[in-house]
Amino acid sequence: MRIRVFVAGKPALDHARRGVEEYLKRLRRYGNFELVVLKAGDSETVSAHLLDRTEGHLRIALDERGKALTTQQWADAFGQWEQRGDLKHVSFLIGASDGHTEALRRASDRIWQLSSLTLQHEIALVVLLEQLYRVATLRKGEPYHR
């Protein structure tokens, strides 16, 4: 199962860029994780690109209005997905700075939140990658998640 993280625009903030690099490096040993950076743009354009690029994937749109889950619930979801023989790609979607369109929200299999706060999308990317790393270490029984 491949995990893809789609984001609109490369991180411009130095601390966000370093965080992204660090967590992508850490994730390499836990499976097939990929960051896909799309050209930044308005919500309509970015959402259309996200829908095109993730056709046939299990889509998880990240949105502050989404469902709040614990890290353990994320880990449980990963375990369920791995049991499915038909699931090849899970894609996490971080949209444009003005959010996802309603069409993308309807087409998503899940809508989860990283926080009930509105996060700048570069920060949301770092938080997402850290949580993916946390879930990976939790599932391996490693001490990172305490």
C-alpha atoms as a PDB file:
ATOM      1  CA  MET A   1       0.000   0.000   0.000  1.00  0.00           C
ATOM      2  CA  ARG A   2       1.421   3.368  -1.021  1.00  0.00           C
ATOM      3  CA  ILE A   3       0.788   6.434   1.105  1.00  0.00           C
ATOM      4  CA  ARG A   4       0.795   9.668  -0.834  1.00  0.00           C
ATOM      5  CA  VAL A   5       0.574  13.134   0.629  1.00  0.00           C
ATOM      6  CA  PHE A   6      -0.609  15.769  -1.815  1.00  0.00           C
ATOM      7  CA  VAL A   7      -0.035  19.427  -1.051  1.00  0.00           C
ATOM      8  CA  ALA A   8      -0.493  22.617  -3.045  1.00  0.00           C
ATOM      9  CA  GLY A   9       2.795  24.484  -3.213  1.00  0.00           C
ATOM     10  CA  LYS A  10       6.265  23.773  -1.851  1.00  0.00           C
ATOM     11  CA  PRO A  11       6.914  24.867   1.715  1.00  0.00           C
ATOM     12  CA  ALA A  12       8.460  28.345   1.634  1.00  0.00           C
ATOM     13  CA  LEU A  13       8.994  28.695   5.376  1.00  0.00           C
ATOM     14  CA  ASP A  14      12.458  27.431   6.270  1.00  0.00           C
ATOM     15  CA  HIS A  15      11.343  25.676   9.462  1.00  0.00           C
ATOM     16  CA  ALA A  16       8.481  23.945   7.623  1.00  0.00           C
ATOM     17  CA  ARG A  17      10.797  22.823   4.809  1.00  0.00           C
ATOM     18  CA  ARG A  18      13.242  21.361   7.356  1.00  0.00           C
ATOM     19  CA  GLY A  19      10.406  19.599   9.185  1.00  0.00           C
ATOM     20  CA  VAL A  20       9.103  18.084   5.937  1.00  0.00           C
ATOM     21  CA  GLU A  21      12.580  16.850   4.988  1.00  0.00           C
ATOM     22  CA  GLU A  22      13.144  15.364   8.445  1.00  0.00           C
ATOM     23  CA  TYR A  23       9.878  13.423   8.616  1.00  0.00           C
ATOM     24  CA  LEU A  24      10.118  12.183   5.036  1.00  0.00           C
ATOM     25  CA  LYS A  25      13.609  10.880   5.853  1.00  0.00           C
ATOM     26  CA  ARG A  26      12.294   9.139   8.988  1.00  0.00           C
ATOM     27  CA  LEU A  27       9.325   7.627   7.130  1.00  0.00           C
ATOM     28  CA  ARG A  28      11.521   5.905   4.508  1.00  0.00           C
ATOM     29  CA  ARG A  29      12.143   2.926   6.760  1.00  0.00           C
ATOM     30  CA  TYR A  30       8.431   2.328   7.427  1.00  0.00           C
ATOM     31  CA  GLY A  31       6.988   1.841   3.983  1.00  0.00           C
ATOM     32  CA  ASN A  32       6.160   3.568   0.771  1.00  0.00           C
ATOM     33  CA  PHE A  33       5.472   7.219   1.609  1.00  0.00           C
ATOM     34  CA  GLU A  34       5.554   9.870  -1.091  1.00  0.00           C
ATOM     35  CA  LEU A  35       5.097  13.622  -1.072  1.00  0.00           C
ATOM     36  CA  VAL A  36       3.471  15.045  -4.211  1.00  0.00           C
ATOM     37  CA  VAL A  37       3.664  18.811  -4.560  1.00  0.00           C
ATOM     38  CA  LEU A  38       1.126  20.393  -6.887  1.00  0.00           C
ATOM     39  CA  LYS A  39       1.287  23.885  -8.269  1.00  0.00           C
ATOM     40  CA  ALA A  40      -0.295  26.331  -5.836  1.00  0.00           C
ATOM     41  CA  GLY A  41      -3.458  28.023  -6.987  1.00  0.00           C
ATOM     42  CA  ASP A  42      -7.034  28.760  -6.120  1.00  0.00           C
ATOM     43  CA  SER A  43      -9.318  26.237  -4.462  1.00  0.00           C
ATOM     44  CA  GLU A  44     -11.117  25.256  -7.689  1.00  0.00           C
ATOM     45  CA  THR A  45      -7.918  24.586  -9.613  1.00  0.00           C
ATOM     46  CA  VAL A  46      -6.104  22.752  -6.825  1.00  0.00           C
ATOM     47  CA  SER A  47      -9.133  20.623  -5.930  1.00  0.00           C
ATOM     48  CA  ALA A  48      -9.592  19.649  -9.587  1.00  0.00           C
ATOM     49  CA  HIS A  49      -5.919  18.598  -9.787  1.00  0.00           C
ATOM     50  CA  LEU A  50      -6.219  16.643  -6.535  1.00  0.00           C
ATOM     51  CA  LEU A  51      -9.259  14.776  -7.848  1.00  0.00           C
ATOM     52  CA  ASP A  52      -7.517  13.975 -11.150  1.00  0.00           C
ATOM     53  CA  ARG A  53      -4.299  12.775  -9.502  1.00  0.00           C
ATOM     54  CA  THR A  54      -6.034  10.577  -6.914  1.00  0.00           C
ATOM     55  CA  GLU A  55      -8.578   8.753  -9.065  1.00  0.00           C
ATOM     56  CA  GLY A  56      -8.940   5.227  -7.668  1.00  0.00           C
ATOM     57  CA  HIS A  57      -7.170   6.078  -4.397  1.00  0.00           C
ATOM     58  CA  LEU A  58      -8.670   6.089  -0.942  1.00  0.00           C
ATOM     59  CA  ARG A  59      -8.887   9.840  -0.412  1.00  0.00           C
ATOM     60  CA  ILE A  60      -8.523  11.527   2.950  1.00  0.00           C
ATOM     61  CA  ALA A  61      -9.148  15.257   2.774  1.00  0.00           C
ATOM     62  CA  LEU A  62      -7.620  17.178   5.654  1.00  0.00           C
ATOM     63  CA  ASP A  63      -9.870  19.941   6.911  1.00  0.00           C
ATOM     64  CA  GLU A  64     -10.422  21.620  10.274  1.00  0.00           C
ATOM     65  CA  ARG A  65     -14.123  20.688   9.969  1.00  0.00           C
ATOM     66  CA  GLY A  66     -13.283  17.003   9.531  1.00  0.00           C
ATOM     67  CA  LYS A  67     -13.519  14.176  12.008  1.00  0.00           C
ATOM     68  CA  ALA A  68     -11.129  14.322  14.934  1.00  0.00           C
ATOM     69  CA  LEU A  69      -9.318  11.032  15.552  1.00  0.00           C
ATOM     70  CA  THR A  70      -6.734   9.939  18.063  1.00  0.00           C
ATOM     71  CA  THR A  71      -3.372   8.664  16.931  1.00  0.00           C
ATOM     72  CA  GLN A  72      -4.469   5.164  17.915  1.00  0.00           C
ATOM     73  CA  GLN A  73      -7.545   5.502  15.701  1.00  0.00           C
ATOM     74  CA  TRP A  74      -5.280   6.508  12.810  1.00  0.00           C
ATOM     75  CA  ALA A  75      -3.126   3.448  13.478  1.00  0.00           C
ATOM     76  CA  ASP A  76      -6.219   1.231  13.583  1.00  0.00           C
ATOM     77  CA  ALA A  77      -7.383   2.655  10.241  1.00  0.00           C
ATOM     78  CA  PHE A  78      -3.995   1.853   8.684  1.00  0.00           C
ATOM     79  CA  GLY A  79      -4.282  -1.689   9.975  1.00  0.00           C
ATOM     80  CA  GLN A  80      -7.727  -2.078   8.416  1.00  0.00           C
ATOM     81  CA  TRP A  81      -6.524  -0.687   5.095  1.00  0.00           C
ATOM     82  CA  GLU A  82      -3.592  -3.083   4.993  1.00  0.00           C
ATOM     83  CA  GLN A  83      -5.994  -5.996   5.405  1.00  0.00           C
ATOM     84  CA  ARG A  84      -7.812  -5.021   2.230  1.00  0.00           C
ATOM     85  CA  GLY A  85      -6.358  -6.708  -0.802  1.00  0.00           C
ATOM     86  CA  ASP A  86      -7.796  -4.171  -3.222  1.00  0.00           C
ATOM     87  CA  LEU A  87      -6.353  -0.988  -1.715  1.00  0.00           C
ATOM     88  CA  LYS A  88      -3.160   0.123  -3.438  1.00  0.00           C
ATOM     89  CA  HIS A  89      -3.070   3.869  -2.693  1.00  0.00           C
ATOM     90  CA  VAL A  90      -4.085   5.999   0.274  1.00  0.00           C
ATOM     91  CA  SER A  91      -3.841   9.711  -0.438  1.00  0.00           C
ATOM     92  CA  PHE A  92      -3.910  12.518   2.109  1.00  0.00           C
ATOM     93  CA  LEU A  93      -5.013  15.801   0.567  1.00  0.00           C
ATOM     94  CA  ILE A  94      -3.936  19.235   1.770  1.00  0.00           C
ATOM     95  CA  GLY A  95      -5.631  21.836  -0.394  1.00  0.00           C
ATOM     96  CA  ALA A  96      -5.073  25.371  -1.443  1.00  0.00           C
ATOM     97  CA  SER A  97      -4.781  28.153   1.113  1.00  0.00           C
ATOM     98  CA  ASP A  98      -8.540  28.729   0.832  1.00  0.00           C
ATOM     99  CA  GLY A  99      -9.385  25.060   1.427  1.00  0.00           C
ATOM    100  CA  HIS A 100     -11.064  22.258  -0.498  1.00  0.00           C
ATOM    101  CA  THR A 101     -14.066  22.621  -2.761  1.00  0.00           C
ATOM    102  CA  GLU A 102     -17.339  20.962  -1.888  1.00  0.00           C
ATOM    103  CA  ALA A 103     -16.845  18.633  -4.879  1.00  0.00           C
ATOM    104  CA  LEU A 104     -13.563  17.371  -3.434  1.00  0.00           C
ATOM    105  CA  ARG A 105     -15.107  16.964   0.000  1.00  0.00           C
ATOM    106  CA  ARG A 106     -17.930  14.862  -1.480  1.00  0.00           C
ATOM    107  CA  ALA A 107     -15.483  12.748  -3.521  1.00  0.00           C
ATOM    108  CA  SER A 108     -13.281  12.025  -0.496  1.00  0.00           C
ATOM    109  CA  ASP A 109     -13.623   8.750   1.368  1.00  0.00           C
ATOM    110  CA  ARG A 110     -12.779  10.406   4.675  1.00  0.00           C
ATOM    111  CA  ILE A 111     -12.487  13.966   5.943  1.00  0.00           C
ATOM    112  CA  TRP A 112     -10.187  14.165   8.928  1.00  0.00           C
ATOM    113  CA  GLN A 113      -8.810  17.064  10.896  1.00  0.00           C
ATOM    114  CA  LEU A 114      -5.324  17.565  12.203  1.00  0.00           C
ATOM    115  CA  SER A 115      -6.652  20.236  14.555  1.00  0.00           C
ATOM    116  CA  SER A 116      -9.840  22.193  15.060  1.00  0.00           C
ATOM    117  CA  LEU A 117      -7.653  25.244  14.508  1.00  0.00           C
ATOM    118  CA  THR A 118      -7.143  26.525  10.993  1.00  0.00           C
ATOM    119  CA  LEU A 119      -3.531  25.692  10.134  1.00  0.00           C
ATOM    120  CA  GLN A 120      -1.383  27.329   7.506  1.00  0.00           C
ATOM    121  CA  HIS A 121      -0.948  24.587   4.892  1.00  0.00           C
ATOM    122  CA  GLU A 122       2.840  24.358   5.302  1.00  0.00           C
ATOM    123  CA  ILE A 123       2.410  23.763   9.023  1.00  0.00           C
ATOM    124  CA  ALA A 124      -0.406  21.283   8.331  1.00  0.00           C
ATOM    125  CA  LEU A 125       2.000  19.340   6.108  1.00  0.00           C
ATOM    126  CA  VAL A 126       4.595  19.062   8.879  1.00  0.00           C
ATOM    127  CA  VAL A 127       1.932  18.032  11.406  1.00  0.00           C
ATOM    128  CA  LEU A 128       0.574  15.403   8.992  1.00  0.00           C
ATOM    129  CA  LEU A 129       4.016  13.922   8.294  1.00  0.00           C
ATOM    130  CA  GLU A 130       4.805  13.806  12.014  1.00  0.00           C
ATOM    131  CA  GLN A 131       1.525  11.976  12.671  1.00  0.00           C
ATOM    132  CA  LEU A 132       2.224   9.501   9.874  1.00  0.00           C
ATOM    133  CA  TYR A 133       5.620   8.868  11.446  1.00  0.00           C
ATOM    134  CA  ARG A 134       4.031   8.516  14.883  1.00  0.00           C
ATOM    135  CA  VAL A 135       1.498   5.999  13.531  1.00  0.00           C
ATOM    136  CA  ALA A 136       4.263   4.023  11.795  1.00  0.00           C
ATOM    137  CA  THR A 137       6.324   3.775  14.985  1.00  0.00           C
ATOM    138  CA  LEU A 138       3.252   2.950  17.085  1.00  0.00           C
ATOM    139  CA  ARG A 139       2.324   0.109  14.755  1.00  0.00           C
ATOM    140  CA  LYS A 140       5.891  -1.273  15.008  1.00  0.00           C
ATOM    141  CA  GLY A 141       5.822  -1.094  18.804  1.00  0.00           C
ATOM    142  CA  GLU A 142       8.624   1.459  18.919  1.00  0.00           C
ATOM    143  CA  PRO A 143       8.887   3.967  21.776  1.00  0.00           C
ATOM    144  CA  TYR A 144       8.394   7.230  19.816  1.00  0.00           C
ATOM    145  CA  HIS A 145       4.671   7.202  20.644  1.00  0.00           C
ATOM    146  CA  ARG A 146       4.366   7.236  24.397  1.00  0.00           C
END
